Amino acid sequence: MITPNTYFTLSSRENFREFLLKESYQKYTYSGFCFEDAYVETMIFEIGGLSDTKAKVEFVPNPNDYAVYESYKADSSTYQNNVFKRFFIPTSINIEIHSSINQKLTAISKKFYEPLTGKKSKDDELIDYRSKLNSSDLTLLGLISEGEQGLVTGNNSRYIAQIVEEKGKSEGINEKFLNELIKNGFTNLKLNELTENIEYYYEQAEVIKSKKSKPDIFGKFFIYRHKLVEEVKPFNQLSENEKLEGSKEETWVNYYKGNSDGLTWRIPYSDAILWSRESVKELSEGIVTNSRWQGHKYFKTTGFAWVDYFTSRIKSFFVDEGIYSKNIVKLHSTVDQVPDKYVVACLNSKFISYYVKNFITSTHTLQINDGRLIPIKVPSDTELSKVVGLVDNILAIKKENPEAETLELDKQIDGLIYKIYGIEDKQIEVIENE
């Protein structure tokens, strides 16, 4: 059989893997990206001979490397005892990590299947479980965090402004804006007339969008408002009532619009959102604009997120208290011993990147359901203090320059995470080499 290799890790394919593990003969060959239009890697597998005897499973990780043809074998019981019966290549280091981490999480994953697969669960049981976590306990990210995707304004130019250091006279003016106005009734309009009366034509653009019920008529990313840094208020400086309902006067607050540059640790604010009472009412009701009021439960918390696409390293970043868009799925830790900054450190570590690639997904994306299966080890107070201290240093550096190198601090965090998870020197060497 030839299938996408995602069949062998996705939680939704557990029944499929359970069926395979009943076969006495199994051989799985990873064949990489061998189809031109496929965005996942391919697995070729052979099965046969239903039997009650202990089945042997063989994996060939790279059949195209004829110089080093490797084959690894394991008993089927290895995968029967894994979280969601996920398959992995049984190298010596992976077997060791499986024994020290995965086997300890299998029973927990069965008990809390619903929250780990994004379904509604029994909150009382989960709250009780979280309250009993102690230092050195292993858990899964989906059991100690909650969150959701951020809001959709439905009309960016009405509510969003770009943050700038200085305002220029012709910001936001371009040929596309002019041509759209001409198409919508301003037939003799010239570019110089547009420039001289730009505020009037911006108002007219809003009128046209409202009349035609097409908020993206001037382009999905059409934003003409600009606010100076000093005109934008940090969300945490609002009163509790203003955070929920907006300010009486026109107030612009920082807005996390996404992380398109793939930055780690911290992303800068490049946009602001109008947070007046009128604006919040419109966004939450979704009547005036085609908005989706998402993530509002987590505006008042810090959190963490990651870039969906990754190659060798996960790119995670800390999210301050505030408004964020649909381009960010913000999760928030619900356990005091495992704060958001500690989770970001784990996600950015070499060990967790190795774990995700070898045990959770071999694709180039880390989706939310995959992320829920990341093992998190509860640190001691001393370990936590050291990790969070380093993260605070990195966040301070990144605040000054989001692209600043922090390799030495990253290395120190890697060392602490290895120690917390009990990764030995010989295992570290393999991970570092990969």
Protein backbone atom coordinates (compact mmCIF):
# COMPACT_ATOMS: atom_id res chain seq x y z
CA MET A 1 0.00 0.00 0.00
CA ILE A 2 1.08 3.61 -0.63
CA THR A 3 -0.30 6.36 1.62
CA PRO A 4 0.64 9.75 3.08
CA ASN A 5 2.89 9.14 6.09
CA THR A 6 0.51 11.24 8.23
CA TYR A 7 -1.61 8.06 8.61
CA PHE A 8 1.00 6.83 11.05
CA THR A 9 0.91 9.74 13.52
CA LEU A 10 -2.47 11.53 13.30
CA SER A 11 -4.64 10.87 16.34
CA SER A 12 -7.66 10.48 14.02
CA ARG A 13 -5.97 7.44 12.41
CA GLU A 14 -5.51 5.47 15.63
CA ASN A 15 -8.03 2.78 14.59
CA PHE A 16 -6.16 2.29 11.32
CA ARG A 17 -2.87 1.75 13.19
CA GLU A 18 -4.55 -0.59 15.65
CA PHE A 19 -5.65 -2.75 12.72
CA LEU A 20 -2.13 -2.78 11.24
CA LEU A 21 -0.57 -3.81 14.53
CA LYS A 22 -2.54 -7.06 14.45
CA GLU A 23 -0.61 -8.18 11.38
CA SER A 24 2.35 -10.51 11.98
CA TYR A 25 4.37 -9.14 9.03
CA GLN A 26 4.85 -5.39 8.67
CA LYS A 27 7.41 -3.33 6.79
CA TYR A 28 7.23 0.46 6.49
CA THR A 29 9.40 2.39 4.05
CA TYR A 30 9.60 6.19 4.24
CA SER A 31 9.95 7.44 0.69
CA GLY A 32 9.89 11.21 1.19
CA PHE A 33 8.36 13.73 -1.22
CA CYS A 34 8.08 11.47 -4.25
CA PHE A 35 4.88 12.91 -5.79
CA GLU A 36 5.10 16.27 -7.54
CA ASP A 37 1.86 17.73 -6.21
CA ALA A 38 1.86 16.18 -2.73
CA TYR A 39 2.65 18.36 0.27
CA VAL A 40 3.16 15.43 2.65
CA GLU A 41 5.72 12.68 2.53
CA THR A 42 4.87 9.18 1.35
CA MET A 43 4.94 5.82 3.13
CA ILE A 44 5.08 2.47 1.34
CA PHE A 45 4.03 -0.38 3.57
CA GLU A 46 3.61 -4.13 3.31
CA ILE A 47 1.45 -6.14 5.71
CA GLY A 48 0.29 -9.72 5.89
CA GLY A 49 -0.34 -12.85 7.91
CA LEU A 50 -2.90 -12.26 10.63
CA SER A 51 -1.59 -13.99 13.72
CA ASP A 52 -1.81 -13.96 17.50
CA THR A 53 1.96 -14.22 17.77
CA LYS A 54 4.03 -11.21 18.72
CA ALA A 55 4.44 -9.23 15.51
CA LYS A 56 7.68 -7.72 14.33
CA VAL A 57 7.65 -4.28 12.73
CA GLU A 58 10.41 -3.12 10.36
CA PHE A 59 11.08 0.49 9.36
CA VAL A 60 13.27 1.73 6.51
CA PRO A 61 13.78 5.49 7.01
CA ASN A 62 15.64 6.37 3.80
CA PRO A 63 15.47 3.81 0.97
CA ASN A 64 17.09 6.19 -1.53
CA ASP A 65 20.39 6.39 0.34
CA TYR A 66 22.00 3.29 -1.14
CA ALA A 67 25.32 4.01 0.58
CA VAL A 68 23.71 3.67 4.01
CA TYR A 69 20.66 1.44 3.81
CA GLU A 70 19.25 1.32 7.34
CA SER A 71 16.55 -0.91 8.71
CA TYR A 72 15.14 -0.83 12.27
CA LYS A 73 12.95 -3.47 13.91
CA ALA A 74 10.69 -3.48 16.94
CA ASP A 75 7.87 -5.50 18.47
CA SER A 76 4.34 -4.31 17.71
CA SER A 77 3.82 -3.95 21.47
CA THR A 78 6.13 -0.92 21.33
CA TYR A 79 3.43 0.97 19.41
CA GLN A 80 0.48 -0.58 21.20
CA ASN A 81 1.81 1.16 24.32
CA ASN A 82 2.40 4.55 22.69
CA VAL A 83 0.18 7.63 22.87
CA PHE A 84 -2.59 7.10 20.27
CA LYS A 85 -0.54 4.11 19.00
CA ARG A 86 1.62 6.50 16.98
CA PHE A 87 4.39 4.94 14.90
CA PHE A 88 8.02 6.11 14.99
CA ILE A 89 11.32 4.80 13.66
CA PRO A 90 12.70 2.55 16.42
CA THR A 91 16.27 3.82 16.58
CA SER A 92 18.00 3.24 19.91
CA ILE A 93 17.53 6.87 21.01
CA ASN A 94 13.85 6.86 20.01
CA ILE A 95 13.23 3.64 21.95
CA GLU A 96 14.88 5.21 25.01
CA ILE A 97 12.79 8.41 24.74
CA HIS A 98 9.69 6.30 24.18
CA SER A 99 10.40 4.33 27.37
CA SER A 100 11.16 7.39 29.50
CA ILE A 101 8.42 9.70 28.18
CA ASN A 102 5.78 8.16 25.93
CA GLN A 103 4.93 5.10 28.00
CA LYS A 104 4.29 7.30 31.02
CA LEU A 105 1.76 9.35 29.03
CA THR A 106 -0.24 6.57 27.38
CA ALA A 107 -2.71 6.07 30.24
CA ILE A 108 -3.22 9.83 30.59
CA SER A 109 -3.89 10.20 26.85
CA LYS A 110 -6.58 7.50 27.01
CA LYS A 111 -8.27 9.10 30.02
CA PHE A 112 -8.31 12.57 28.46
CA TYR A 113 -8.83 11.64 24.81
CA GLU A 114 -11.40 14.43 24.20
CA PRO A 115 -9.33 17.52 25.17
CA LEU A 116 -6.30 16.11 23.35
CA THR A 117 -8.27 15.83 20.11
CA GLY A 118 -10.00 19.20 20.42
CA LYS A 119 -13.34 17.85 21.66
CA LYS A 120 -15.33 18.99 24.68
CA SER A 121 -14.36 17.19 27.86
CA LYS A 122 -15.33 16.80 31.51
CA ASP A 123 -13.92 20.00 32.96
CA ASP A 124 -14.09 18.83 36.59
CA GLU A 125 -11.82 15.86 35.92
CA LEU A 126 -9.34 18.00 34.02
CA ILE A 127 -9.28 20.70 36.71
CA ASP A 128 -8.68 18.03 39.37
CA TYR A 129 -5.89 16.50 37.28
CA ARG A 130 -4.16 19.87 36.84
CA SER A 131 -4.37 20.66 40.56
CA LYS A 132 -2.49 17.46 41.43
CA LEU A 133 0.49 17.99 39.10
CA ASN A 134 3.81 18.12 40.92
CA SER A 135 7.43 18.84 40.07
CA SER A 136 8.95 16.23 37.68
CA ASP A 137 5.51 15.02 36.51
CA LEU A 138 5.05 14.50 32.79
CA THR A 139 1.93 15.81 31.10
CA LEU A 140 0.74 16.79 27.63
CA LEU A 141 0.44 20.36 26.41
CA GLY A 142 -3.24 19.93 25.56
CA LEU A 143 -4.05 19.03 29.17
CA ILE A 144 -2.51 22.14 30.75
CA SER A 145 -3.49 24.83 28.25
CA GLU A 146 -6.51 26.34 26.60
CA GLY A 147 -7.08 29.02 23.97
CA GLU A 148 -8.36 29.73 20.50
CA GLN A 149 -7.85 31.64 17.28
CA GLY A 150 -8.09 35.44 17.43
CA LEU A 151 -10.71 37.80 16.04
CA VAL A 152 -11.63 38.68 12.47
CA THR A 153 -12.55 42.36 12.01
CA GLY A 154 -14.41 41.81 8.75
CA ASN A 155 -13.28 45.29 7.64
CA ASN A 156 -9.62 45.98 8.40
CA SER A 157 -9.51 49.59 7.24
CA ARG A 158 -12.36 50.53 9.60
CA TYR A 159 -10.67 49.18 12.73
CA ILE A 160 -6.94 48.70 12.06
CA ALA A 161 -4.07 51.19 11.78
CA GLN A 162 -0.40 50.69 11.03
CA ILE A 163 1.98 51.89 13.73
CA VAL A 164 4.58 54.28 12.30
CA GLU A 165 7.40 56.41 13.69
CA GLU A 166 6.39 59.40 11.59
CA LYS A 167 3.47 60.18 9.35
CA GLY A 168 3.91 60.99 5.70
CA LYS A 169 1.45 62.98 3.60
CA SER A 170 0.85 60.34 0.93
CA GLU A 171 0.67 57.19 3.04
CA GLY A 172 -1.87 54.68 1.79
CA ILE A 173 -2.28 56.28 -1.65
CA ASN A 174 -1.72 54.06 -4.66
CA GLU A 175 -3.00 53.43 -8.16
CA LYS A 176 -5.22 50.55 -7.05
CA PHE A 177 -7.09 52.78 -4.60
CA LEU A 178 -7.53 55.43 -7.32
CA ASN A 179 -8.75 52.89 -9.89
CA GLU A 180 -11.28 51.39 -7.48
CA LEU A 181 -12.70 54.87 -6.75
CA ILE A 182 -12.99 55.53 -10.49
CA LYS A 183 -14.80 52.20 -10.96
CA ASN A 184 -17.23 53.21 -8.22
CA GLY A 185 -18.40 56.57 -9.55
CA PHE A 186 -15.46 59.00 -9.31
CA THR A 187 -14.90 58.81 -13.07
CA ASN A 188 -12.77 61.91 -13.63
CA LEU A 189 -10.67 61.66 -10.48
CA LYS A 190 -6.93 62.30 -10.90
CA LEU A 191 -4.10 61.21 -8.61
CA ASN A 192 -3.21 64.80 -7.61
CA GLU A 193 -6.84 65.48 -6.61
CA LEU A 194 -6.83 62.28 -4.58
CA THR A 195 -3.65 63.35 -2.78
CA GLU A 196 -4.95 66.82 -1.93
CA ASN A 197 -8.23 65.52 -0.48
CA ILE A 198 -7.14 62.13 0.76
CA GLU A 199 -9.13 62.14 4.03
CA TYR A 200 -12.36 62.85 2.12
CA TYR A 201 -11.73 59.95 -0.27
CA TYR A 202 -10.90 57.60 2.57
CA GLU A 203 -14.33 58.45 4.01
CA GLN A 204 -15.90 57.82 0.60
CA ALA A 205 -14.18 54.44 0.43
CA GLU A 206 -15.89 53.45 3.69
CA VAL A 207 -19.24 54.64 2.30
CA ILE A 208 -18.75 52.56 -0.88
CA LYS A 209 -17.82 49.46 1.13
CA SER A 210 -20.88 49.89 3.33
CA LYS A 211 -23.29 50.44 0.42
CA LYS A 212 -22.00 47.43 -1.53
CA SER A 213 -21.54 45.26 1.58
CA LYS A 214 -18.07 44.42 0.30
CA PRO A 215 -15.47 45.26 2.96
CA ASP A 216 -12.65 43.95 0.76
CA ILE A 217 -13.55 45.92 -2.36
CA PHE A 218 -10.35 47.98 -2.06
CA GLY A 219 -8.29 44.91 -1.29
CA LYS A 220 -8.28 42.48 1.60
CA PHE A 221 -5.30 44.21 3.21
CA PHE A 222 -6.34 47.79 2.47
CA ILE A 223 -5.31 49.82 5.54
CA TYR A 224 -4.91 53.58 5.32
CA ARG A 225 -4.90 54.67 8.96
CA HIS A 226 -1.55 55.32 10.62
CA LYS A 227 -0.82 55.92 14.28
CA LEU A 228 2.38 57.09 15.91
CA VAL A 229 3.85 54.87 18.62
CA GLU A 230 2.90 57.41 21.29
CA GLU A 231 -0.72 57.44 20.07
CA VAL A 232 -1.12 53.71 20.80
CA LYS A 233 -1.96 52.55 24.32
CA PRO A 234 -0.76 49.22 25.76
CA PHE A 235 -3.76 46.98 26.49
CA ASN A 236 -2.65 46.38 30.09
CA GLN A 237 -2.97 50.13 30.80
CA LEU A 238 -6.73 50.03 30.20
CA SER A 239 -9.13 49.68 33.12
CA GLU A 240 -10.80 46.29 33.59
CA ASN A 241 -14.04 47.69 32.19
CA GLU A 242 -12.26 49.22 29.16
CA LYS A 243 -10.61 45.89 28.38
CA LEU A 244 -14.03 44.27 28.14
CA GLU A 245 -16.20 47.01 26.66
CA GLY A 246 -13.81 49.55 25.12
CA SER A 247 -13.05 53.17 26.03
CA LYS A 248 -15.52 56.05 26.00
CA GLU A 249 -13.25 58.09 23.74
CA GLU A 250 -11.38 56.99 20.59
CA THR A 251 -8.55 54.77 21.85
CA TRP A 252 -6.07 52.74 19.85
CA VAL A 253 -4.36 49.75 21.48
CA ASN A 254 -1.63 47.34 20.37
CA TYR A 255 -2.85 44.53 18.11
CA TYR A 256 -1.05 41.26 17.33
CA LYS A 257 -1.76 40.74 13.65
CA GLY A 258 0.46 37.69 13.09
CA ASN A 259 4.00 36.47 12.66
CA SER A 260 4.54 36.39 8.90
CA ASP A 261 8.31 36.94 9.35
CA GLY A 262 8.68 33.72 11.34
CA LEU A 263 10.27 35.35 14.39
CA THR A 264 10.95 33.45 17.62
CA TRP A 265 10.45 34.46 21.26
CA ARG A 266 8.75 37.82 20.60
CA ILE A 267 6.95 39.52 17.72
CA PRO A 268 6.75 43.31 17.57
CA TYR A 269 3.51 45.25 17.34
CA SER A 270 3.15 46.65 13.82
CA ASP A 271 -0.58 47.40 14.06
CA ALA A 272 -3.13 48.96 16.38
CA ILE A 273 -6.86 48.35 16.73
CA LEU A 274 -9.58 50.90 17.53
CA TRP A 275 -10.84 49.97 21.00
CA SER A 276 -13.66 52.45 21.57
CA ARG A 277 -17.01 51.30 22.96
CA GLU A 278 -18.61 51.68 19.55
CA SER A 279 -15.87 49.66 17.89
CA VAL A 280 -15.98 46.83 20.46
CA LYS A 281 -19.78 46.68 20.20
CA GLU A 282 -19.62 46.40 16.40
CA LEU A 283 -16.89 43.74 16.48
CA SER A 284 -18.60 41.64 19.15
CA GLU A 285 -22.06 41.77 17.55
CA GLY A 286 -20.92 41.21 13.96
CA ILE A 287 -23.86 43.17 12.52
CA VAL A 288 -22.24 46.35 11.19
CA THR A 289 -19.22 44.39 9.97
CA ASN A 290 -18.77 40.75 9.06
CA SER A 291 -16.61 40.15 12.13
CA ARG A 292 -15.96 36.99 14.12
CA TRP A 293 -15.59 37.65 17.85
CA GLN A 294 -12.94 35.05 18.66
CA GLY A 295 -10.31 34.77 21.36
CA HIS A 296 -11.90 37.44 23.59
CA LYS A 297 -11.71 35.16 26.65
CA TYR A 298 -7.92 35.31 26.38
CA PHE A 299 -7.35 39.02 25.67
CA LYS A 300 -6.64 39.53 29.39
CA THR A 301 -4.08 36.73 29.65
CA THR A 302 -0.56 36.23 28.40
CA GLY A 303 -0.02 33.21 26.20
CA PHE A 304 2.13 31.43 23.68
CA ALA A 305 1.85 30.52 20.02
CA TRP A 306 4.00 29.11 17.26
CA VAL A 307 4.49 29.45 13.51
CA ASP A 308 2.58 26.64 11.76
CA TYR A 309 5.36 25.97 9.28
CA PHE A 310 8.72 24.70 10.50
CA THR A 311 11.66 22.72 9.16
CA SER A 312 14.27 21.79 11.77
CA ARG A 313 13.12 24.02 14.66
CA ILE A 314 9.75 25.03 16.05
CA LYS A 315 9.32 28.81 16.13
CA SER A 316 7.37 29.72 19.24
CA PHE A 317 6.74 33.18 20.68
CA PHE A 318 5.38 34.72 23.85
CA VAL A 319 2.13 36.68 23.49
CA ASP A 320 1.52 39.60 25.85
CA GLU A 321 -1.89 40.41 27.27
CA GLY A 322 -3.92 42.08 24.50
CA ILE A 323 -5.95 41.79 21.29
CA TYR A 324 -4.81 39.32 18.63
CA SER A 325 -6.05 38.33 15.18
CA LYS A 326 -7.13 35.09 13.53
CA ASN A 327 -3.56 34.67 12.27
CA ILE A 328 -2.57 33.65 15.80
CA VAL A 329 -3.84 30.66 17.76
CA LYS A 330 -3.00 31.81 21.27
CA LEU A 331 -2.79 29.20 24.01
CA HIS A 332 -2.60 30.01 27.69
CA SER A 333 -1.19 27.79 30.43
CA THR A 334 -3.70 26.88 33.14
CA VAL A 335 -1.08 25.56 35.60
CA ASP A 336 0.94 27.93 37.78
CA GLN A 337 3.99 25.63 37.86
CA VAL A 338 4.09 25.71 34.05
CA PRO A 339 3.78 29.39 33.04
CA ASP A 340 3.59 30.57 29.44
CA LYS A 341 7.24 31.65 29.32
CA TYR A 342 8.38 28.18 30.39
CA VAL A 343 6.24 26.58 27.65
CA VAL A 344 7.78 28.91 25.04
CA ALA A 345 11.24 27.82 26.22
CA CYS A 346 10.27 24.15 25.85
CA LEU A 347 8.83 24.68 22.37
CA ASN A 348 11.93 26.57 21.19
CA SER A 349 14.30 23.93 22.54
CA LYS A 350 16.17 21.51 20.30
CA PHE A 351 14.82 18.56 22.26
CA ILE A 352 11.14 19.34 21.67
CA SER A 353 11.79 20.02 17.97
CA TYR A 354 13.46 16.62 17.74
CA TYR A 355 10.59 15.00 19.63
CA VAL A 356 7.93 16.56 17.38
CA LYS A 357 9.73 15.50 14.19
CA ASN A 358 10.28 11.93 15.38
CA PHE A 359 7.12 11.20 17.37
CA ILE A 360 4.34 13.59 16.36
CA THR A 361 4.60 14.79 12.76
CA SER A 362 7.12 14.45 9.96
CA THR A 363 5.39 17.10 7.86
CA HIS A 364 6.49 20.73 7.70
CA THR A 365 3.58 22.00 9.76
CA LEU A 366 2.73 21.83 13.45
CA GLN A 367 -1.02 22.17 13.75
CA ILE A 368 -2.91 22.72 16.98
CA ASN A 369 -3.99 19.08 17.42
CA ASP A 370 -0.38 17.97 16.96
CA GLY A 371 0.82 20.62 19.40
CA ARG A 372 -1.53 19.29 22.09
CA LEU A 373 0.49 16.06 22.12
CA ILE A 374 3.81 17.69 23.02
CA PRO A 375 5.09 16.31 26.36
CA ILE A 376 5.66 18.93 29.05
CA LYS A 377 7.63 18.14 32.18
CA VAL A 378 6.75 20.13 35.29
CA PRO A 379 9.95 21.82 36.53
CA SER A 380 11.11 22.32 40.09
CA ASP A 381 10.98 25.87 41.47
CA THR A 382 14.74 26.24 40.92
CA GLU A 383 14.57 24.94 37.34
CA LEU A 384 11.60 27.17 36.58
CA SER A 385 13.36 30.25 37.94
CA LYS A 386 16.43 29.61 35.78
CA VAL A 387 14.44 29.03 32.57
CA VAL A 388 12.10 32.01 33.03
CA GLY A 389 15.07 34.24 33.91
CA LEU A 390 16.73 33.38 30.59
CA VAL A 391 13.46 33.88 28.70
CA ASP A 392 13.03 37.33 30.29
CA ASN A 393 16.54 38.25 29.12
CA ILE A 394 15.74 37.11 25.57
CA LEU A 395 12.41 38.97 25.52
CA ALA A 396 14.15 42.19 26.64
CA ILE A 397 16.72 41.84 23.85
CA LYS A 398 14.04 41.05 21.25
CA LYS A 399 11.98 44.05 22.37
CA GLU A 400 14.86 46.32 21.35
CA ASN A 401 15.56 44.39 18.14
CA PRO A 402 13.19 41.56 17.11
CA GLU A 403 15.86 40.07 14.82
CA ALA A 404 18.71 40.18 17.37
CA GLU A 405 20.72 36.97 17.79
CA THR A 406 20.38 35.23 21.17
CA LEU A 407 22.31 32.05 20.38
CA GLU A 408 24.18 31.87 23.69
CA LEU A 409 20.99 32.25 25.71
CA ASP A 410 19.22 29.74 23.45
CA LYS A 411 22.03 27.28 24.11
CA GLN A 412 21.67 27.72 27.88
CA ILE A 413 17.93 27.06 27.62
CA ASP A 414 18.60 23.92 25.53
CA GLY A 415 20.90 22.67 28.29
CA LEU A 416 18.31 23.26 31.00
CA ILE A 417 15.53 21.58 29.00
CA TYR A 418 17.72 18.51 28.37
CA LYS A 419 18.35 18.28 32.11
CA ILE A 420 14.68 18.78 33.09
CA TYR A 421 13.55 16.03 30.67
CA GLY A 422 16.35 13.68 31.77
CA ILE A 423 18.03 13.50 28.36
CA GLU A 424 21.46 11.86 28.65
CA ASP A 425 24.73 12.95 27.02
CA LYS A 426 24.71 10.26 24.31
CA GLN A 427 21.13 11.21 23.39
CA ILE A 428 22.01 14.90 23.36
CA GLU A 429 24.83 14.19 20.92
CA VAL A 430 22.43 12.53 18.47
CA ILE A 431 19.90 15.38 18.79
CA GLU A 432 22.57 18.07 18.35
CA ASN A 433 23.99 16.31 15.27
CA GLU A 434 20.54 16.12 13.66
